[in-house]
PDB file of all heavy atoms in Angstrom:
ATOM      1  N   GLU A   1      11.167   1.641  37.790  1.00  0.00           N
ATOM      2  CA  GLU A   1       9.746   1.485  37.457  1.00  0.00           C
ATOM      3  C   GLU A   1       9.266   2.627  36.554  1.00  0.00           C
ATOM      4  O   GLU A   1       8.544   2.395  35.576  1.00  0.00           O
ATOM      5  CB  GLU A   1       8.919   1.446  38.740  1.00  0.00           C
ATOM      6  CG  GLU A   1       7.432   1.193  38.499  1.00  0.00           C
ATOM      7  CD  GLU A   1       6.648   1.134  39.802  1.00  0.00           C
ATOM      8  OE1 GLU A   1       7.268   1.245  40.884  1.00  0.00           O
ATOM      9  OE2 GLU A   1       5.422   0.975  39.728  1.00  0.00           O
ATOM     10  N   GLN A   2       9.668   3.842  36.873  1.00  0.00           N
ATOM     11  CA  GLN A   2       9.282   4.989  36.053  1.00  0.00           C
ATOM     12  C   GLN A   2       9.880   4.883  34.646  1.00  0.00           C
ATOM     13  O   GLN A   2       9.215   5.194  33.653  1.00  0.00           O
ATOM     14  CB  GLN A   2       9.738   6.291  36.716  1.00  0.00           C
ATOM     15  CG  GLN A   2       8.946   6.686  37.935  1.00  0.00           C
ATOM     16  CD  GLN A   2       9.566   7.891  38.635  1.00  0.00           C
ATOM     17  OE1 GLN A   2      10.790   7.984  38.797  1.00  0.00           O
ATOM     18  NE2 GLN A   2       8.725   8.826  39.046  1.00  0.00           N
ATOM     19  N   TYR A   3      11.130   4.443  34.571  1.00  0.00           N
ATOM     20  CA  TYR A   3      11.782   4.333  33.270  1.00  0.00           C
ATOM     21  C   TYR A   3      11.113   3.263  32.408  1.00  0.00           C
ATOM     22  O   TYR A   3      10.937   3.447  31.194  1.00  0.00           O
ATOM     23  CB  TYR A   3      13.268   4.034  33.439  1.00  0.00           C
ATOM     24  CG  TYR A   3      14.046   4.170  32.151  1.00  0.00           C
ATOM     25  CD1 TYR A   3      14.490   5.411  31.722  1.00  0.00           C
ATOM     26  CD2 TYR A   3      14.307   3.057  31.359  1.00  0.00           C
ATOM     27  CE1 TYR A   3      15.187   5.549  30.530  1.00  0.00           C
ATOM     28  CE2 TYR A   3      15.007   3.185  30.162  1.00  0.00           C
ATOM     29  CZ  TYR A   3      15.442   4.432  29.757  1.00  0.00           C
ATOM     30  OH  TYR A   3      16.122   4.562  28.571  1.00  0.00           O
ATOM     31  N   THR A   4      10.731   2.158  33.030  1.00  0.00           N
ATOM     32  CA  THR A   4      10.005   1.107  32.301  1.00  0.00           C
ATOM     33  C   THR A   4       8.686   1.644  31.782  1.00  0.00           C
ATOM     34  O   THR A   4       8.287   1.364  30.646  1.00  0.00           O
ATOM     35  CB  THR A   4       9.765  -0.109  33.211  1.00  0.00           C
ATOM     36  OG1 THR A   4      11.031  -0.652  33.605  1.00  0.00           O
ATOM     37  CG2 THR A   4       8.964  -1.185  32.496  1.00  0.00           C
ATOM     38  N   HIS A   5       8.011   2.440  32.595  1.00  0.00           N
ATOM     39  CA  HIS A   5       6.746   3.041  32.170  1.00  0.00           C
ATOM     40  C   HIS A   5       6.986   4.011  31.009  1.00  0.00           C
ATOM     41  O   HIS A   5       6.192   4.054  30.055  1.00  0.00           O
ATOM     42  CB  HIS A   5       6.069   3.760  33.332  1.00  0.00           C
ATOM     43  CG  HIS A   5       4.690   4.241  33.023  1.00  0.00           C
ATOM     44  ND1 HIS A   5       3.678   3.407  32.604  1.00  0.00           N
ATOM     45  CD2 HIS A   5       4.141   5.491  33.040  1.00  0.00           C
ATOM     46  CE1 HIS A   5       2.579   4.100  32.383  1.00  0.00           C
ATOM     47  NE2 HIS A   5       2.841   5.378  32.633  1.00  0.00           N
ATOM     48  N   PHE A   6       8.061   4.776  31.066  1.00  0.00           N
ATOM     49  CA  PHE A   6       8.419   5.671  29.968  1.00  0.00           C
ATOM     50  C   PHE A   6       8.572   4.885  28.668  1.00  0.00           C
ATOM     51  O   PHE A   6       8.023   5.261  27.620  1.00  0.00           O
ATOM     52  CB  PHE A   6       9.719   6.412  30.292  1.00  0.00           C
ATOM     53  CG  PHE A   6      10.356   7.081  29.115  1.00  0.00           C
ATOM     54  CD1 PHE A   6       9.836   8.258  28.597  1.00  0.00           C
ATOM     55  CD2 PHE A   6      11.477   6.521  28.512  1.00  0.00           C
ATOM     56  CE1 PHE A   6      10.417   8.874  27.495  1.00  0.00           C
ATOM     57  CE2 PHE A   6      12.066   7.129  27.410  1.00  0.00           C
ATOM     58  CZ  PHE A   6      11.539   8.308  26.903  1.00  0.00           C
ATOM     59  N   GLN A   7       9.304   3.781  28.720  1.00  0.00           N
ATOM     60  CA  GLN A   7       9.511   2.975  27.521  1.00  0.00           C
ATOM     61  C   GLN A   7       8.195   2.406  26.988  1.00  0.00           C
ATOM     62  O   GLN A   7       7.973   2.381  25.774  1.00  0.00           O
ATOM     63  CB  GLN A   7      10.488   1.835  27.824  1.00  0.00           C
ATOM     64  CG  GLN A   7      11.911   2.322  28.080  1.00  0.00           C
ATOM     65  CD  GLN A   7      12.843   1.197  28.439  1.00  0.00           C
ATOM     66  OE1 GLN A   7      12.540   0.361  29.291  1.00  0.00           O
ATOM     67  NE2 GLN A   7      13.995   1.166  27.793  1.00  0.00           N
ATOM     68  N   CYS A   8       7.317   1.987  27.914  1.00  0.00           N
ATOM     69  CA  CYS A   8       6.003   1.469  27.498  1.00  0.00           C
ATOM     70  C   CYS A   8       5.175   2.559  26.826  1.00  0.00           C
ATOM     71  O   CYS A   8       4.467   2.292  25.833  1.00  0.00           O
ATOM     72  CB  CYS A   8       5.245   0.898  28.699  1.00  0.00           C
ATOM     73  SG  CYS A   8       5.918  -0.644  29.324  1.00  0.00           S
ATOM     74  N   MET A   9       5.236   3.766  27.343  1.00  0.00           N
ATOM     75  CA  MET A   9       4.493   4.877  26.740  1.00  0.00           C
ATOM     76  C   MET A   9       5.004   5.172  25.336  1.00  0.00           C
ATOM     77  O   MET A   9       4.218   5.367  24.401  1.00  0.00           O
ATOM     78  CB  MET A   9       4.602   6.126  27.610  1.00  0.00           C
ATOM     79  CG  MET A   9       3.838   6.034  28.906  1.00  0.00           C
ATOM     80  SD  MET A   9       3.702   7.666  29.667  1.00  0.00           S
ATOM     81  CE  MET A   9       2.589   8.477  28.532  1.00  0.00           C
ATOM     82  N   ILE A  10       6.316   5.214  25.168  1.00  0.00           N
ATOM     83  CA  ILE A  10       6.883   5.470  23.846  1.00  0.00           C
ATOM     84  C   ILE A  10       6.503   4.351  22.882  1.00  0.00           C
ATOM     85  O   ILE A  10       6.118   4.608  21.731  1.00  0.00           O
ATOM     86  CB  ILE A  10       8.415   5.629  23.926  1.00  0.00           C
ATOM     87  CG1 ILE A  10       8.787   6.858  24.760  1.00  0.00           C
ATOM     88  CG2 ILE A  10       9.017   5.698  22.530  1.00  0.00           C
ATOM     89  CD1 ILE A  10       8.214   8.176  24.253  1.00  0.00           C
ATOM     90  N   ASP A  11       6.565   3.111  23.344  1.00  0.00           N
ATOM     91  CA  ASP A  11       6.154   1.973  22.505  1.00  0.00           C
ATOM     92  C   ASP A  11       4.700   2.130  22.063  1.00  0.00           C
ATOM     93  O   ASP A  11       4.352   1.823  20.919  1.00  0.00           O
ATOM     94  CB  ASP A  11       6.335   0.653  23.247  1.00  0.00           C
ATOM     95  CG  ASP A  11       7.800   0.265  23.417  1.00  0.00           C
ATOM     96  OD1 ASP A  11       8.654   0.845  22.714  1.00  0.00           O
ATOM     97  OD2 ASP A  11       8.079  -0.598  24.268  1.00  0.00           O
ATOM     98  N   HIS A  12       3.853   2.599  22.968  1.00  0.00           N
ATOM     99  CA  HIS A  12       2.443   2.820  22.630  1.00  0.00           C
ATOM    100  C   HIS A  12       2.298   3.880  21.544  1.00  0.00           C
ATOM    101  O   HIS A  12       1.564   3.676  20.564  1.00  0.00           O
ATOM    102  CB  HIS A  12       1.649   3.248  23.867  1.00  0.00           C
ATOM    103  CG  HIS A  12       0.327   3.860  23.526  1.00  0.00           C
ATOM    104  ND1 HIS A  12      -0.777   3.099  23.180  1.00  0.00           N
ATOM    105  CD2 HIS A  12      -0.069   5.153  23.441  1.00  0.00           C
ATOM    106  CE1 HIS A  12      -1.793   3.905  22.898  1.00  0.00           C
ATOM    107  NE2 HIS A  12      -1.392   5.152  23.057  1.00  0.00           N
ATOM    108  N   PHE A  13       2.975   5.007  21.705  1.00  0.00           N
ATOM    109  CA  PHE A  13       2.857   6.070  20.708  1.00  0.00           C
ATOM    110  C   PHE A  13       3.390   5.619  19.352  1.00  0.00           C
ATOM    111  O   PHE A  13       2.833   5.980  18.308  1.00  0.00           O
ATOM    112  CB  PHE A  13       3.577   7.338  21.181  1.00  0.00           C
ATOM    113  CG  PHE A  13       2.734   8.208  22.069  1.00  0.00           C
ATOM    114  CD1 PHE A  13       2.812   8.093  23.447  1.00  0.00           C
ATOM    115  CD2 PHE A  13       1.847   9.132  21.530  1.00  0.00           C
ATOM    116  CE1 PHE A  13       2.030   8.891  24.273  1.00  0.00           C
ATOM    117  CE2 PHE A  13       1.055   9.930  22.346  1.00  0.00           C
ATOM    118  CZ  PHE A  13       1.146   9.809  23.726  1.00  0.00           C
ATOM    119  N   ILE A  14       4.447   4.820  19.354  1.00  0.00           N
ATOM    120  CA  ILE A  14       4.973   4.299  18.086  1.00  0.00           C
ATOM    121  C   ILE A  14       3.964   3.354  17.434  1.00  0.00           C
ATOM    122  O   ILE A  14       3.666   3.469  16.240  1.00  0.00           O
ATOM    123  CB  ILE A  14       6.323   3.584  18.314  1.00  0.00           C
ATOM    124  CG1 ILE A  14       7.410   4.595  18.706  1.00  0.00           C
ATOM    125  CG2 ILE A  14       6.745   2.807  17.061  1.00  0.00           C
ATOM    126  CD1 ILE A  14       8.711   3.967  19.160  1.00  0.00           C
ATOM    127  N   ALA A  15       3.425   2.426  18.226  1.00  0.00           N
ATOM    128  CA  ALA A  15       2.489   1.433  17.695  1.00  0.00           C
ATOM    129  C   ALA A  15       1.171   2.058  17.254  1.00  0.00           C
ATOM    130  O   ALA A  15       0.539   1.591  16.295  1.00  0.00           O
ATOM    131  CB  ALA A  15       2.237   0.340  18.732  1.00  0.00           C
ATOM    132  N   CYS A  16       0.747   3.110  17.932  1.00  0.00           N
ATOM    133  CA  CYS A  16      -0.563   3.730  17.659  1.00  0.00           C
ATOM    134  C   CYS A  16      -0.413   5.104  17.014  1.00  0.00           C
ATOM    135  O   CYS A  16      -1.284   5.964  17.151  1.00  0.00           O
ATOM    136  CB  CYS A  16      -1.360   3.843  18.962  1.00  0.00           C
ATOM    137  SG  CYS A  16      -1.624   2.273  19.786  1.00  0.00           S
ATOM    138  N   ARG A  17       0.669   5.305  16.300  1.00  0.00           N
ATOM    139  CA  ARG A  17       0.985   6.624  15.733  1.00  0.00           C
ATOM    140  C   ARG A  17      -0.150   7.213  14.903  1.00  0.00           C
ATOM    141  O   ARG A  17      -0.400   8.410  14.930  1.00  0.00           O
ATOM    142  CB  ARG A  17       2.239   6.499  14.883  1.00  0.00           C
ATOM    143  CG  ARG A  17       2.699   7.793  14.238  1.00  0.00           C
ATOM    144  CD  ARG A  17       4.049   7.598  13.547  1.00  0.00           C
ATOM    145  NE  ARG A  17       4.450   8.832  12.884  1.00  0.00           N
ATOM    146  CZ  ARG A  17       4.227   9.083  11.599  1.00  0.00           C
ATOM    147  NH1 ARG A  17       3.600   8.188  10.846  1.00  0.00           N
ATOM    148  NH2 ARG A  17       4.627  10.223  11.065  1.00  0.00           N
ATOM    149  N   LYS A  18      -0.865   6.389  14.176  1.00  0.00           N
ATOM    150  CA  LYS A  18      -1.925   6.884  13.288  1.00  0.00           C
ATOM    151  C   LYS A  18      -3.110   7.469  14.049  1.00  0.00           C
ATOM    152  O   LYS A  18      -3.928   8.181  13.472  1.00  0.00           O
ATOM    153  CB  LYS A  18      -2.401   5.769  12.358  1.00  0.00           C
ATOM    154  CG  LYS A  18      -1.353   5.374  11.332  1.00  0.00           C
ATOM    155  CD  LYS A  18      -1.867   4.317  10.382  1.00  0.00           C
ATOM    156  CE  LYS A  18      -0.807   3.957   9.345  1.00  0.00           C
ATOM    157  NZ  LYS A  18      -1.291   2.906   8.422  1.00  0.00           N
ATOM    158  N   LEU A  19      -3.210   7.178  15.340  1.00  0.00           N
ATOM    159  CA  LEU A  19      -4.299   7.733  16.142  1.00  0.00           C
ATOM    160  C   LEU A  19      -4.056   9.195  16.506  1.00  0.00           C
ATOM    161  O   LEU A  19      -4.986   9.916  16.869  1.00  0.00           O
ATOM    162  CB  LEU A  19      -4.468   6.941  17.441  1.00  0.00           C
ATOM    163  CG  LEU A  19      -4.976   5.513  17.357  1.00  0.00           C
ATOM    164  CD1 LEU A  19      -4.966   4.882  18.738  1.00  0.00           C
ATOM    165  CD2 LEU A  19      -6.372   5.482  16.754  1.00  0.00           C
ATOM    166  N   TYR A  20      -2.796   9.644  16.417  1.00  0.00           N
ATOM    167  CA  TYR A  20      -2.423  10.939  16.959  1.00  0.00           C
ATOM    168  C   TYR A  20      -2.127  11.957  15.863  1.00  0.00           C
ATOM    169  O   TYR A  20      -1.716  11.609  14.761  1.00  0.00           O
ATOM    170  CB  TYR A  20      -1.196  10.787  17.860  1.00  0.00           C
ATOM    171  CG  TYR A  20      -1.486   9.944  19.083  1.00  0.00           C
ATOM    172  CD1 TYR A  20      -1.176   8.588  19.113  1.00  0.00           C
ATOM    173  CD2 TYR A  20      -2.103  10.509  20.193  1.00  0.00           C
ATOM    174  CE1 TYR A  20      -1.456   7.822  20.233  1.00  0.00           C
ATOM    175  CE2 TYR A  20      -2.385   9.744  21.315  1.00  0.00           C
ATOM    176  CZ  TYR A  20      -2.064   8.404  21.326  1.00  0.00           C
ATOM    177  OH  TYR A  20      -2.344   7.648  22.425  1.00  0.00           O
ATOM    178  N   SER A  21      -2.329  13.222  16.200  1.00  0.00           N
ATOM    179  CA  SER A  21      -2.002  14.302  15.277  1.00  0.00           C
ATOM    180  C   SER A  21      -1.581  15.536  16.059  1.00  0.00           C
ATOM    181  O   SER A  21      -1.750  15.614  17.277  1.00  0.00           O
ATOM    182  CB  SER A  21      -3.192  14.624  14.366  1.00  0.00           C
ATOM    183  OG  SER A  21      -4.293  15.077  15.134  1.00  0.00           O
ATOM    184  N   TYR A  22      -1.027  16.488  15.324  1.00  0.00           N
ATOM    185  CA  TYR A  22      -0.571  17.748  15.905  1.00  0.00           C
ATOM    186  C   TYR A  22      -1.773  18.651  16.165  1.00  0.00           C
ATOM    187  O   TYR A  22      -2.702  18.717  15.361  1.00  0.00           O
ATOM    188  CB  TYR A  22       0.401  18.426  14.953  1.00  0.00           C
ATOM    189  CG  TYR A  22       1.153  19.580  15.551  1.00  0.00           C
ATOM    190  CD1 TYR A  22       2.329  19.369  16.269  1.00  0.00           C
ATOM    191  CD2 TYR A  22       0.705  20.888  15.397  1.00  0.00           C
ATOM    192  CE1 TYR A  22       3.033  20.430  16.810  1.00  0.00           C
ATOM    193  CE2 TYR A  22       1.407  21.953  15.933  1.00  0.00           C
ATOM    194  CZ  TYR A  22       2.567  21.711  16.644  1.00  0.00           C
ATOM    195  OH  TYR A  22       3.253  22.765  17.191  1.00  0.00           O
ATOM    196  N   SER A  23      -1.759  19.375  17.268  1.00  0.00           N
ATOM    197  CA  SER A  23      -2.881  20.239  17.637  1.00  0.00           C
ATOM    198  C   SER A  23      -2.544  21.701  17.349  1.00  0.00           C
ATOM    199  O   SER A  23      -1.864  22.353  18.144  1.00  0.00           O
ATOM    200  CB  SER A  23      -3.218  20.066  19.119  1.00  0.00           C
ATOM    201  OG  SER A  23      -4.207  20.988  19.511  1.00  0.00           O
ATOM    202  N   LEU A  24      -3.018  22.208  16.207  1.00  0.00           N
ATOM    203  CA  LEU A  24      -2.799  23.626  15.906  1.00  0.00           C
ATOM    204  C   LEU A  24      -3.469  24.519  16.939  1.00  0.00           C
ATOM    205  O   LEU A  24      -2.927  25.541  17.346  1.00  0.00           O
ATOM    206  CB  LEU A  24      -3.318  23.944  14.503  1.00  0.00           C
ATOM    207  CG  LEU A  24      -2.520  23.307  13.353  1.00  0.00           C
ATOM    208  CD1 LEU A  24      -3.201  23.561  12.019  1.00  0.00           C
ATOM    209  CD2 LEU A  24      -1.089  23.828  13.335  1.00  0.00           C
TER     210      LEU A  24
END
């Protein structure tokens, strides 16, 4: 269950990459 959640989280970050940025 945890591993499936990990994969879902990574899929989210890939799909929504433009929402995120590096925090100086």
